[in-house]
Amino acid sequence: AQQYLGVPYVYGGSSASGFDCSGFTMY
């Protein structure tokens, strides 16, 4: 998870280019 610090918040996002909260945990 710490490898992705600073990745932008993107509503509905679930990839390393942008995450929403549950997309981040899912990924």
mmCIF file of all heavy atoms, coordinates in Angstrom:
data_MODEL
# 
_entry.id   MODEL 
# 
loop_
_atom_site.group_PDB 
_atom_site.id 
_atom_site.type_symbol 
_atom_site.label_atom_id 
_atom_site.label_alt_id 
_atom_site.label_comp_id 
_atom_site.label_asym_id 
_atom_site.label_entity_id 
_atom_site.label_seq_id 
_atom_site.pdbx_PDB_ins_code 
_atom_site.Cartn_x 
_atom_site.Cartn_y 
_atom_site.Cartn_z 
_atom_site.occupancy 
_atom_site.B_iso_or_equiv 
_atom_site.pdbx_formal_charge 
_atom_site.auth_seq_id 
_atom_site.auth_comp_id 
_atom_site.auth_asym_id 
_atom_site.auth_atom_id 
_atom_site.pdbx_PDB_model_num 
ATOM 1   N N   . ALA A 1 1  ? 0.827   -1.214 0.000   1.00 0.00 ? 1  ALA A N   1 
ATOM 2   C CA  . ALA A 1 1  ? 0.000   0.000  0.000   1.00 0.00 ? 1  ALA A CA  1 
ATOM 3   C C   . ALA A 1 1  ? 0.858   1.259  0.000   1.00 0.00 ? 1  ALA A C   1 
ATOM 4   O O   . ALA A 1 1  ? 0.552   2.234  -0.701  1.00 0.00 ? 1  ALA A O   1 
ATOM 5   C CB  . ALA A 1 1  ? -0.934  -0.013 1.208   1.00 0.00 ? 1  ALA A CB  1 
ATOM 6   N N   . GLN A 1 2  ? 1.953   1.254  0.753   1.00 0.00 ? 2  GLN A N   1 
ATOM 7   C CA  . GLN A 1 2  ? 2.800   2.448  0.867   1.00 0.00 ? 2  GLN A CA  1 
ATOM 8   C C   . GLN A 1 2  ? 3.495   2.802  -0.448  1.00 0.00 ? 2  GLN A C   1 
ATOM 9   O O   . GLN A 1 2  ? 3.890   3.946  -0.640  1.00 0.00 ? 2  GLN A O   1 
ATOM 10  C CB  . GLN A 1 2  ? 3.812   2.271  1.992   1.00 0.00 ? 2  GLN A CB  1 
ATOM 11  C CG  . GLN A 1 2  ? 3.153   2.335  3.356   1.00 0.00 ? 2  GLN A CG  1 
ATOM 12  C CD  . GLN A 1 2  ? 4.091   2.004  4.499   1.00 0.00 ? 2  GLN A CD  1 
ATOM 13  O OE1 . GLN A 1 2  ? 5.017   1.213  4.359   1.00 0.00 ? 2  GLN A OE1 1 
ATOM 14  N NE2 . GLN A 1 2  ? 3.836   2.600  5.654   1.00 0.00 ? 2  GLN A NE2 1 
ATOM 15  N N   . GLN A 1 3  ? 3.588   1.851  -1.362  1.00 0.00 ? 3  GLN A N   1 
ATOM 16  C CA  . GLN A 1 3  ? 4.181   2.130  -2.671  1.00 0.00 ? 3  GLN A CA  1 
ATOM 17  C C   . GLN A 1 3  ? 3.320   3.093  -3.490  1.00 0.00 ? 3  GLN A C   1 
ATOM 18  O O   . GLN A 1 3  ? 3.783   3.669  -4.465  1.00 0.00 ? 3  GLN A O   1 
ATOM 19  C CB  . GLN A 1 3  ? 4.370   0.840  -3.469  1.00 0.00 ? 3  GLN A CB  1 
ATOM 20  C CG  . GLN A 1 3  ? 5.360   -0.128 -2.854  1.00 0.00 ? 3  GLN A CG  1 
ATOM 21  C CD  . GLN A 1 3  ? 5.368   -1.460 -3.585  1.00 0.00 ? 3  GLN A CD  1 
ATOM 22  O OE1 . GLN A 1 3  ? 5.066   -1.535 -4.768  1.00 0.00 ? 3  GLN A OE1 1 
ATOM 23  N NE2 . GLN A 1 3  ? 5.716   -2.520 -2.873  1.00 0.00 ? 3  GLN A NE2 1 
ATOM 24  N N   . TYR A 1 4  ? 2.058   3.259  -3.094  1.00 0.00 ? 4  TYR A N   1 
ATOM 25  C CA  . TYR A 1 4  ? 1.129   4.077  -3.868  1.00 0.00 ? 4  TYR A CA  1 
ATOM 26  C C   . TYR A 1 4  ? 0.827   5.434  -3.216  1.00 0.00 ? 4  TYR A C   1 
ATOM 27  O O   . TYR A 1 4  ? -0.072  6.145  -3.661  1.00 0.00 ? 4  TYR A O   1 
ATOM 28  C CB  . TYR A 1 4  ? -0.162  3.283  -4.130  1.00 0.00 ? 4  TYR A CB  1 
ATOM 29  C CG  . TYR A 1 4  ? 0.120   2.053  -4.947  1.00 0.00 ? 4  TYR A CG  1 
ATOM 30  C CD1 . TYR A 1 4  ? 0.378   0.830  -4.342  1.00 0.00 ? 4  TYR A CD1 1 
ATOM 31  C CD2 . TYR A 1 4  ? 0.220   2.130  -6.339  1.00 0.00 ? 4  TYR A CD2 1 
ATOM 32  C CE1 . TYR A 1 4  ? 0.691   -0.297 -5.089  1.00 0.00 ? 4  TYR A CE1 1 
ATOM 33  C CE2 . TYR A 1 4  ? 0.534   1.012  -7.094  1.00 0.00 ? 4  TYR A CE2 1 
ATOM 34  C CZ  . TYR A 1 4  ? 0.769   -0.202 -6.463  1.00 0.00 ? 4  TYR A CZ  1 
ATOM 35  O OH  . TYR A 1 4  ? 1.095   -1.311 -7.210  1.00 0.00 ? 4  TYR A OH  1 
ATOM 36  N N   . LEU A 1 5  ? 1.595   5.794  -2.204  1.00 0.00 ? 5  LEU A N   1 
ATOM 37  C CA  . LEU A 1 5  ? 1.422   7.107  -1.586  1.00 0.00 ? 5  LEU A CA  1 
ATOM 38  C C   . LEU A 1 5  ? 1.548   8.193  -2.647  1.00 0.00 ? 5  LEU A C   1 
ATOM 39  O O   . LEU A 1 5  ? 2.445   8.151  -3.491  1.00 0.00 ? 5  LEU A O   1 
ATOM 40  C CB  . LEU A 1 5  ? 2.471   7.330  -0.488  1.00 0.00 ? 5  LEU A CB  1 
ATOM 41  C CG  . LEU A 1 5  ? 2.208   6.610  0.836   1.00 0.00 ? 5  LEU A CG  1 
ATOM 42  C CD1 . LEU A 1 5  ? 3.446   6.636  1.715   1.00 0.00 ? 5  LEU A CD1 1 
ATOM 43  C CD2 . LEU A 1 5  ? 1.013   7.212  1.558   1.00 0.00 ? 5  LEU A CD2 1 
ATOM 44  N N   . GLY A 1 6  ? 0.628   9.133  -2.644  1.00 0.00 ? 6  GLY A N   1 
ATOM 45  C CA  . GLY A 1 6  ? 0.658   10.233 -3.596  1.00 0.00 ? 6  GLY A CA  1 
ATOM 46  C C   . GLY A 1 6  ? -0.111  9.994  -4.877  1.00 0.00 ? 6  GLY A C   1 
ATOM 47  O O   . GLY A 1 6  ? -0.309  10.928 -5.657  1.00 0.00 ? 6  GLY A O   1 
ATOM 48  N N   . VAL A 1 7  ? -0.555  8.746  -5.124  1.00 0.00 ? 7  VAL A N   1 
ATOM 49  C CA  . VAL A 1 7  ? -1.361  8.481  -6.328  1.00 0.00 ? 7  VAL A CA  1 
ATOM 50  C C   . VAL A 1 7  ? -2.668  9.266  -6.194  1.00 0.00 ? 7  VAL A C   1 
ATOM 51  O O   . VAL A 1 7  ? -3.282  9.293  -5.122  1.00 0.00 ? 7  VAL A O   1 
ATOM 52  C CB  . VAL A 1 7  ? -1.635  6.967  -6.497  1.00 0.00 ? 7  VAL A CB  1 
ATOM 53  C CG1 . VAL A 1 7  ? -2.666  6.710  -7.594  1.00 0.00 ? 7  VAL A CG1 1 
ATOM 54  C CG2 . VAL A 1 7  ? -0.338  6.234  -6.807  1.00 0.00 ? 7  VAL A CG2 1 
ATOM 55  N N   . PRO A 1 8  ? -3.117  9.928  -7.257  1.00 0.00 ? 8  PRO A N   1 
ATOM 56  C CA  . PRO A 1 8  ? -4.301  10.782 -7.161  1.00 0.00 ? 8  PRO A CA  1 
ATOM 57  C C   . PRO A 1 8  ? -5.586  10.032 -6.819  1.00 0.00 ? 8  PRO A C   1 
ATOM 58  O O   . PRO A 1 8  ? -5.761  8.871  -7.187  1.00 0.00 ? 8  PRO A O   1 
ATOM 59  C CB  . PRO A 1 8  ? -4.431  11.394 -8.562  1.00 0.00 ? 8  PRO A CB  1 
ATOM 60  C CG  . PRO A 1 8  ? -3.185  11.084 -9.280  1.00 0.00 ? 8  PRO A CG  1 
ATOM 61  C CD  . PRO A 1 8  ? -2.511  9.948  -8.590  1.00 0.00 ? 8  PRO A CD  1 
ATOM 62  N N   . TYR A 1 9  ? -6.473  10.742 -6.112  1.00 0.00 ? 9  TYR A N   1 
ATOM 63  C CA  . TYR A 1 9  ? -7.823  10.251 -5.883  1.00 0.00 ? 9  TYR A CA  1 
ATOM 64  C C   . TYR A 1 9  ? -8.608  10.434 -7.179  1.00 0.00 ? 9  TYR A C   1 
ATOM 65  O O   . TYR A 1 9  ? -8.629  11.521 -7.753  1.00 0.00 ? 9  TYR A O   1 
ATOM 66  C CB  . TYR A 1 9  ? -8.510  11.033 -4.760  1.00 0.00 ? 9  TYR A CB  1 
ATOM 67  C CG  . TYR A 1 9  ? -9.936  10.574 -4.541  1.00 0.00 ? 9  TYR A CG  1 
ATOM 68  C CD1 . TYR A 1 9  ? -10.219 9.554  -3.647  1.00 0.00 ? 9  TYR A CD1 1 
ATOM 69  C CD2 . TYR A 1 9  ? -10.988 11.136 -5.242  1.00 0.00 ? 9  TYR A CD2 1 
ATOM 70  C CE1 . TYR A 1 9  ? -11.513 9.101  -3.460  1.00 0.00 ? 9  TYR A CE1 1 
ATOM 71  C CE2 . TYR A 1 9  ? -12.296 10.691 -5.068  1.00 0.00 ? 9  TYR A CE2 1 
ATOM 72  C CZ  . TYR A 1 9  ? -12.546 9.674  -4.180  1.00 0.00 ? 9  TYR A CZ  1 
ATOM 73  O OH  . TYR A 1 9  ? -13.829 9.226  -4.009  1.00 0.00 ? 9  TYR A OH  1 
ATOM 74  N N   . VAL A 1 10 ? -9.252  9.360  -7.633  1.00 0.00 ? 10 VAL A N   1 
ATOM 75  C CA  . VAL A 1 10 ? -10.115 9.417  -8.809  1.00 0.00 ? 10 VAL A CA  1 
ATOM 76  C C   . VAL A 1 10 ? -11.402 8.683  -8.448  1.00 0.00 ? 10 VAL A C   1 
ATOM 77  O O   . VAL A 1 10 ? -11.363 7.492  -8.097  1.00 0.00 ? 10 VAL A O   1 
ATOM 78  C CB  . VAL A 1 10 ? -9.449  8.755  -10.044 1.00 0.00 ? 10 VAL A CB  1 
ATOM 79  C CG1 . VAL A 1 10 ? -10.421 8.687  -11.209 1.00 0.00 ? 10 VAL A CG1 1 
ATOM 80  C CG2 . VAL A 1 10 ? -8.180  9.479  -10.435 1.00 0.00 ? 10 VAL A CG2 1 
ATOM 81  N N   . TYR A 1 11 ? -12.532 9.375  -8.508  1.00 0.00 ? 11 TYR A N   1 
ATOM 82  C CA  . TYR A 1 11 ? -13.808 8.739  -8.179  1.00 0.00 ? 11 TYR A CA  1 
ATOM 83  C C   . TYR A 1 11 ? -14.026 7.532  -9.093  1.00 0.00 ? 11 TYR A C   1 
ATOM 84  O O   . TYR A 1 11 ? -13.928 7.645  -10.314 1.00 0.00 ? 11 TYR A O   1 
ATOM 85  C CB  . TYR A 1 11 ? -14.967 9.727  -8.332  1.00 0.00 ? 11 TYR A CB  1 
ATOM 86  C CG  . TYR A 1 11 ? -16.283 9.126  -7.966  1.00 0.00 ? 11 TYR A CG  1 
ATOM 87  C CD1 . TYR A 1 11 ? -16.665 8.985  -6.635  1.00 0.00 ? 11 TYR A CD1 1 
ATOM 88  C CD2 . TYR A 1 11 ? -17.153 8.654  -8.947  1.00 0.00 ? 11 TYR A CD2 1 
ATOM 89  C CE1 . TYR A 1 11 ? -17.873 8.405  -6.292  1.00 0.00 ? 11 TYR A CE1 1 
ATOM 90  C CE2 . TYR A 1 11 ? -18.368 8.067  -8.611  1.00 0.00 ? 11 TYR A CE2 1 
ATOM 91  C CZ  . TYR A 1 11 ? -18.720 7.949  -7.284  1.00 0.00 ? 11 TYR A CZ  1 
ATOM 92  O OH  . TYR A 1 11 ? -19.908 7.361  -6.939  1.00 0.00 ? 11 TYR A OH  1 
ATOM 93  N N   . GLY A 1 12 ? -14.270 6.367  -8.511  1.00 0.00 ? 12 GLY A N   1 
ATOM 94  C CA  . GLY A 1 12 ? -14.476 5.140  -9.275  1.00 0.00 ? 12 GLY A CA  1 
ATOM 95  C C   . GLY A 1 12 ? -13.184 4.465  -9.701  1.00 0.00 ? 12 GLY A C   1 
ATOM 96  O O   . GLY A 1 12 ? -13.214 3.397  -10.298 1.00 0.00 ? 12 GLY A O   1 
ATOM 97  N N   . GLY A 1 13 ? -12.040 5.072  -9.366  1.00 0.00 ? 13 GLY A N   1 
ATOM 98  C CA  . GLY A 1 13 ? -10.744 4.548  -9.800  1.00 0.00 ? 13 GLY A CA  1 
ATOM 99  C C   . GLY A 1 13 ? -10.304 3.317  -9.028  1.00 0.00 ? 13 GLY A C   1 
ATOM 100 O O   . GLY A 1 13 ? -10.508 3.216  -7.820  1.00 0.00 ? 13 GLY A O   1 
ATOM 101 N N   . SER A 1 14 ? -9.690  2.387  -9.744  1.00 0.00 ? 14 SER A N   1 
ATOM 102 C CA  . SER A 1 14 ? -9.194  1.164  -9.098  1.00 0.00 ? 14 SER A CA  1 
ATOM 103 C C   . SER A 1 14 ? -7.905  0.688  -9.770  1.00 0.00 ? 14 SER A C   1 
ATOM 104 O O   . SER A 1 14 ? -7.655  -0.503 -9.875  1.00 0.00 ? 14 SER A O   1 
ATOM 105 C CB  . SER A 1 14 ? -10.254 0.062  -9.139  1.00 0.00 ? 14 SER A CB  1 
ATOM 106 O OG  . SER A 1 14 ? -10.597 -0.247 -10.477 1.00 0.00 ? 14 SER A OG  1 
ATOM 107 N N   . SER A 1 15 ? -7.087  1.653  -10.221 1.00 0.00 ? 15 SER A N   1 
ATOM 108 C CA  . SER A 1 15 ? -5.811  1.295  -10.844 1.00 0.00 ? 15 SER A CA  1 
ATOM 109 C C   . SER A 1 15 ? -4.732  2.250  -10.334 1.00 0.00 ? 15 SER A C   1 
ATOM 110 O O   . SER A 1 15 ? -5.034  3.277  -9.720  1.00 0.00 ? 15 SER A O   1 
ATOM 111 C CB  . SER A 1 15 ? -5.896  1.402  -12.367 1.00 0.00 ? 15 SER A CB  1 
ATOM 112 O OG  . SER A 1 15 ? -5.923  2.765  -12.759 1.00 0.00 ? 15 SER A OG  1 
ATOM 113 N N   . ALA A 1 16 ? -3.485  1.916  -10.614 1.00 0.00 ? 16 ALA A N   1 
ATOM 114 C CA  . ALA A 1 16 ? -2.356  2.698  -10.120 1.00 0.00 ? 16 ALA A CA  1 
ATOM 115 C C   . ALA A 1 16 ? -2.314  4.113  -10.697 1.00 0.00 ? 16 ALA A C   1 
ATOM 116 O O   . ALA A 1 16 ? -1.540  4.943  -10.240 1.00 0.00 ? 16 ALA A O   1 
ATOM 117 C CB  . ALA A 1 16 ? -1.056  1.968  -10.417 1.00 0.00 ? 16 ALA A CB  1 
ATOM 118 N N   . SER A 1 17 ? -3.175  4.412  -11.678 1.00 0.00 ? 17 SER A N   1 
ATOM 119 C CA  . SER A 1 17 ? -3.231  5.780  -12.193 1.00 0.00 ? 17 SER A CA  1 
ATOM 120 C C   . SER A 1 17 ? -4.191  6.639  -11.375 1.00 0.00 ? 17 SER A C   1 
ATOM 121 O O   . SER A 1 17 ? -4.186  7.859  -11.505 1.00 0.00 ? 17 SER A O   1 
ATOM 122 C CB  . SER A 1 17 ? -3.625  5.787  -13.670 1.00 0.00 ? 17 SER A CB  1 
ATOM 123 O OG  . SER A 1 17 ? -4.900  5.208  -13.840 1.00 0.00 ? 17 SER A OG  1 
ATOM 124 N N   . GLY A 1 18 ? -5.011  6.024  -10.528 1.00 0.00 ? 18 GLY A N   1 
ATOM 125 C CA  . GLY A 1 18 ? -5.926  6.763  -9.675  1.00 0.00 ? 18 GLY A CA  1 
ATOM 126 C C   . GLY A 1 18 ? -6.890  5.838  -8.966  1.00 0.00 ? 18 GLY A C   1 
ATOM 127 O O   . GLY A 1 18 ? -7.370  4.873  -9.555  1.00 0.00 ? 18 GLY A O   1 
ATOM 128 N N   . PHE A 1 19 ? -7.137  6.120  -7.690  1.00 0.00 ? 19 PHE A N   1 
ATOM 129 C CA  . PHE A 1 19 ? -7.992  5.270  -6.853  1.00 0.00 ? 19 PHE A CA  1 
ATOM 130 C C   . PHE A 1 19 ? -9.074  6.079  -6.163  1.00 0.00 ? 19 PHE A C   1 
ATOM 131 O O   . PHE A 1 19 ? -8.840  7.231  -5.788  1.00 0.00 ? 19 PHE A O   1 
ATOM 132 C CB  . PHE A 1 19 ? -7.177  4.626  -5.722  1.00 0.00 ? 19 PHE A CB  1 
ATOM 133 C CG  . PHE A 1 19 ? -6.058  3.729  -6.129  1.00 0.00 ? 19 PHE A CG  1 
ATOM 134 C CD1 . PHE A 1 19 ? -4.741  4.142  -5.995  1.00 0.00 ? 19 PHE A CD1 1 
ATOM 135 C CD2 . PHE A 1 19 ? -6.307  2.457  -6.613  1.00 0.00 ? 19 PHE A CD2 1 
ATOM 136 C CE1 . PHE A 1 19 ? -3.691  3.297  -6.336  1.00 0.00 ? 19 PHE A CE1 1 
ATOM 137 C CE2 . PHE A 1 19 ? -5.266  1.602  -6.955  1.00 0.00 ? 19 PHE A CE2 1 
ATOM 138 C CZ  . PHE A 1 19 ? -3.959  2.026  -6.821  1.00 0.00 ? 19 PHE A CZ  1 
ATOM 139 N N   . ASP A 1 20 ? -10.233 5.440  -5.924  1.00 0.00 ? 20 ASP A N   1 
ATOM 140 C CA  . ASP A 1 20 ? -11.100 5.922  -4.864  1.00 0.00 ? 20 ASP A CA  1 
ATOM 141 C C   . ASP A 1 20 ? -10.819 5.022  -3.660  1.00 0.00 ? 20 ASP A C   1 
ATOM 142 O O   . ASP A 1 20 ? -9.975  4.123  -3.737  1.00 0.00 ? 20 ASP A O   1 
ATOM 143 C CB  . ASP A 1 20 ? -12.577 5.975  -5.283  1.00 0.00 ? 20 ASP A CB  1 
ATOM 144 C CG  . ASP A 1 20 ? -13.212 4.617  -5.553  1.00 0.00 ? 20 ASP A CG  1 
ATOM 145 O OD1 . ASP A 1 20 ? -12.615 3.572  -5.224  1.00 0.00 ? 20 ASP A OD1 1 
ATOM 146 O OD2 . ASP A 1 20 ? -14.323 4.608  -6.100  1.00 0.00 ? 20 ASP A OD2 1 
ATOM 147 N N   . CYS A 1 21 ? -11.482 5.268  -2.541  1.00 0.00 ? 21 CYS A N   1 
ATOM 148 C CA  . CYS A 1 21 ? -11.074 4.555  -1.320  1.00 0.00 ? 21 CYS A CA  1 
ATOM 149 C C   . CYS A 1 21 ? -11.191 3.042  -1.450  1.00 0.00 ? 21 CYS A C   1 
ATOM 150 O O   . CYS A 1 21 ? -10.253 2.307  -1.147  1.00 0.00 ? 21 CYS A O   1 
ATOM 151 C CB  . CYS A 1 21 ? -11.835 5.077  -0.111  1.00 0.00 ? 21 CYS A CB  1 
ATOM 152 S SG  . CYS A 1 21 ? -13.609 4.741  -0.082  1.00 0.00 ? 21 CYS A SG  1 
ATOM 153 N N   . SER A 1 22 ? -12.336 2.554  -1.927  1.00 0.00 ? 22 SER A N   1 
ATOM 154 C CA  . SER A 1 22 ? -12.510 1.100  -2.013  1.00 0.00 ? 22 SER A CA  1 
ATOM 155 C C   . SER A 1 22 ? -11.771 0.520  -3.211  1.00 0.00 ? 22 SER A C   1 
ATOM 156 O O   . SER A 1 22 ? -11.381 -0.654 -3.196  1.00 0.00 ? 22 SER A O   1 
ATOM 157 C CB  . SER A 1 22 ? -13.994 0.734  -2.052  1.00 0.00 ? 22 SER A CB  1 
ATOM 158 O OG  . SER A 1 22 ? -14.617 1.262  -3.208  1.00 0.00 ? 22 SER A OG  1 
ATOM 159 N N   . GLY A 1 23 ? -11.564 1.320  -4.244  1.00 0.00 ? 23 GLY A N   1 
ATOM 160 C CA  . GLY A 1 23 ? -10.743 0.866  -5.372  1.00 0.00 ? 23 GLY A CA  1 
ATOM 161 C C   . GLY A 1 23 ? -9.312  0.628  -4.932  1.00 0.00 ? 23 GLY A C   1 
ATOM 162 O O   . GLY A 1 23 ? -8.659  -0.313 -5.392  1.00 0.00 ? 23 GLY A O   1 
ATOM 163 N N   . PHE A 1 24 ? -8.828  1.472  -4.020  1.00 0.00 ? 24 PHE A N   1 
ATOM 164 C CA  . PHE A 1 24 ? -7.478  1.311  -3.473  1.00 0.00 ? 24 PHE A CA  1 
ATOM 165 C C   . PHE A 1 24 ? -7.360  0.023  -2.667  1.00 0.00 ? 24 PHE A C   1 
ATOM 166 O O   . PHE A 1 24 ? -6.460  -0.792 -2.905  1.00 0.00 ? 24 PHE A O   1 
ATOM 167 C CB  . PHE A 1 24 ? -7.127  2.522  -2.602  1.00 0.00 ? 24 PHE A CB  1 
ATOM 168 C CG  . PHE A 1 24 ? -5.787  2.433  -1.927  1.00 0.00 ? 24 PHE A CG  1 
ATOM 169 C CD1 . PHE A 1 24 ? -4.608  2.423  -2.665  1.00 0.00 ? 24 PHE A CD1 1 
ATOM 170 C CD2 . PHE A 1 24 ? -5.690  2.380  -0.550  1.00 0.00 ? 24 PHE A CD2 1 
ATOM 171 C CE1 . PHE A 1 24 ? -3.369  2.348  -2.046  1.00 0.00 ? 24 PHE A CE1 1 
ATOM 172 C CE2 . PHE A 1 24 ? -4.461  2.310  0.085   1.00 0.00 ? 24 PHE A CE2 1 
ATOM 173 C CZ  . PHE A 1 24 ? -3.289  2.291  -0.674  1.00 0.00 ? 24 PHE A CZ  1 
ATOM 174 N N   . THR A 1 25 ? -8.289  -0.208 -1.741  1.00 0.00 ? 25 THR A N   1 
ATOM 175 C CA  . THR A 1 25 ? -8.200  -1.417 -0.928  1.00 0.00 ? 25 THR A CA  1 
ATOM 176 C C   . THR A 1 25 ? -8.405  -2.669 -1.787  1.00 0.00 ? 25 THR A C   1 
ATOM 177 O O   . THR A 1 25 ? -7.722  -3.669 -1.591  1.00 0.00 ? 25 THR A O   1 
ATOM 178 C CB  . THR A 1 25 ? -9.209  -1.377 0.237   1.00 0.00 ? 25 THR A CB  1 
ATOM 179 O OG1 . THR A 1 25 ? -10.525 -1.134 -0.276  1.00 0.00 ? 25 THR A OG1 1 
ATOM 180 C CG2 . THR A 1 25 ? -8.852  -0.282 1.227   1.00 0.00 ? 25 THR A CG2 1 
ATOM 181 N N   . MET A 1 26 ? -9.317  -2.597 -2.754  1.00 0.00 ? 26 MET A N   1 
ATOM 182 C CA  . MET A 1 26 ? -9.547  -3.726 -3.673  1.00 0.00 ? 26 MET A CA  1 
ATOM 183 C C   . MET A 1 26 ? -8.256  -4.053 -4.428  1.00 0.00 ? 26 MET A C   1 
ATOM 184 O O   . MET A 1 26 ? -7.866  -5.223 -4.538  1.00 0.00 ? 26 MET A O   1 
ATOM 185 C CB  . MET A 1 26 ? -10.670 -3.348 -4.642  1.00 0.00 ? 26 MET A CB  1 
ATOM 186 C CG  . MET A 1 26 ? -11.054 -4.415 -5.634  1.00 0.00 ? 26 MET A CG  1 
ATOM 187 S SD  . MET A 1 26 ? -12.477 -3.920 -6.653  1.00 0.00 ? 26 MET A SD  1 
ATOM 188 C CE  . MET A 1 26 ? -11.705 -2.774 -7.776  1.00 0.00 ? 26 MET A CE  1 
ATOM 189 N N   . TYR A 1 27 ? -7.582  -3.028 -4.941  1.00 0.00 ? 27 TYR A N   1 
ATOM 190 C CA  . TYR A 1 27 ? -6.350  -3.196 -5.720  1.00 0.00 ? 27 TYR A CA  1 
ATOM 191 C C   . TYR A 1 27 ? -5.229  -3.773 -4.852  1.00 0.00 ? 27 TYR A C   1 
ATOM 192 O O   . TYR A 1 27 ? -4.540  -4.710 -5.255  1.00 0.00 ? 27 TYR A O   1 
ATOM 193 C CB  . TYR A 1 27 ? -5.941  -1.836 -6.289  1.00 0.00 ? 27 TYR A CB  1 
ATOM 194 C CG  . TYR A 1 27 ? -4.717  -1.868 -7.168  1.00 0.00 ? 27 TYR A CG  1 
ATOM 195 C CD1 . TYR A 1 27 ? -4.826  -2.130 -8.531  1.00 0.00 ? 27 TYR A CD1 1 
ATOM 196 C CD2 . TYR A 1 27 ? -3.456  -1.622 -6.642  1.00 0.00 ? 27 TYR A CD2 1 
ATOM 197 C CE1 . TYR A 1 27 ? -3.707  -2.141 -9.347  1.00 0.00 ? 27 TYR A CE1 1 
ATOM 198 C CE2 . TYR A 1 27 ? -2.326  -1.633 -7.444  1.00 0.00 ? 27 TYR A CE2 1 
ATOM 199 C CZ  . TYR A 1 27 ? -2.457  -1.893 -8.798  1.00 0.00 ? 27 TYR A CZ  1 
ATOM 200 O OH  . TYR A 1 27 ? -1.342  -1.915 -9.598  1.00 0.00 ? 27 TYR A OH  1 
# 
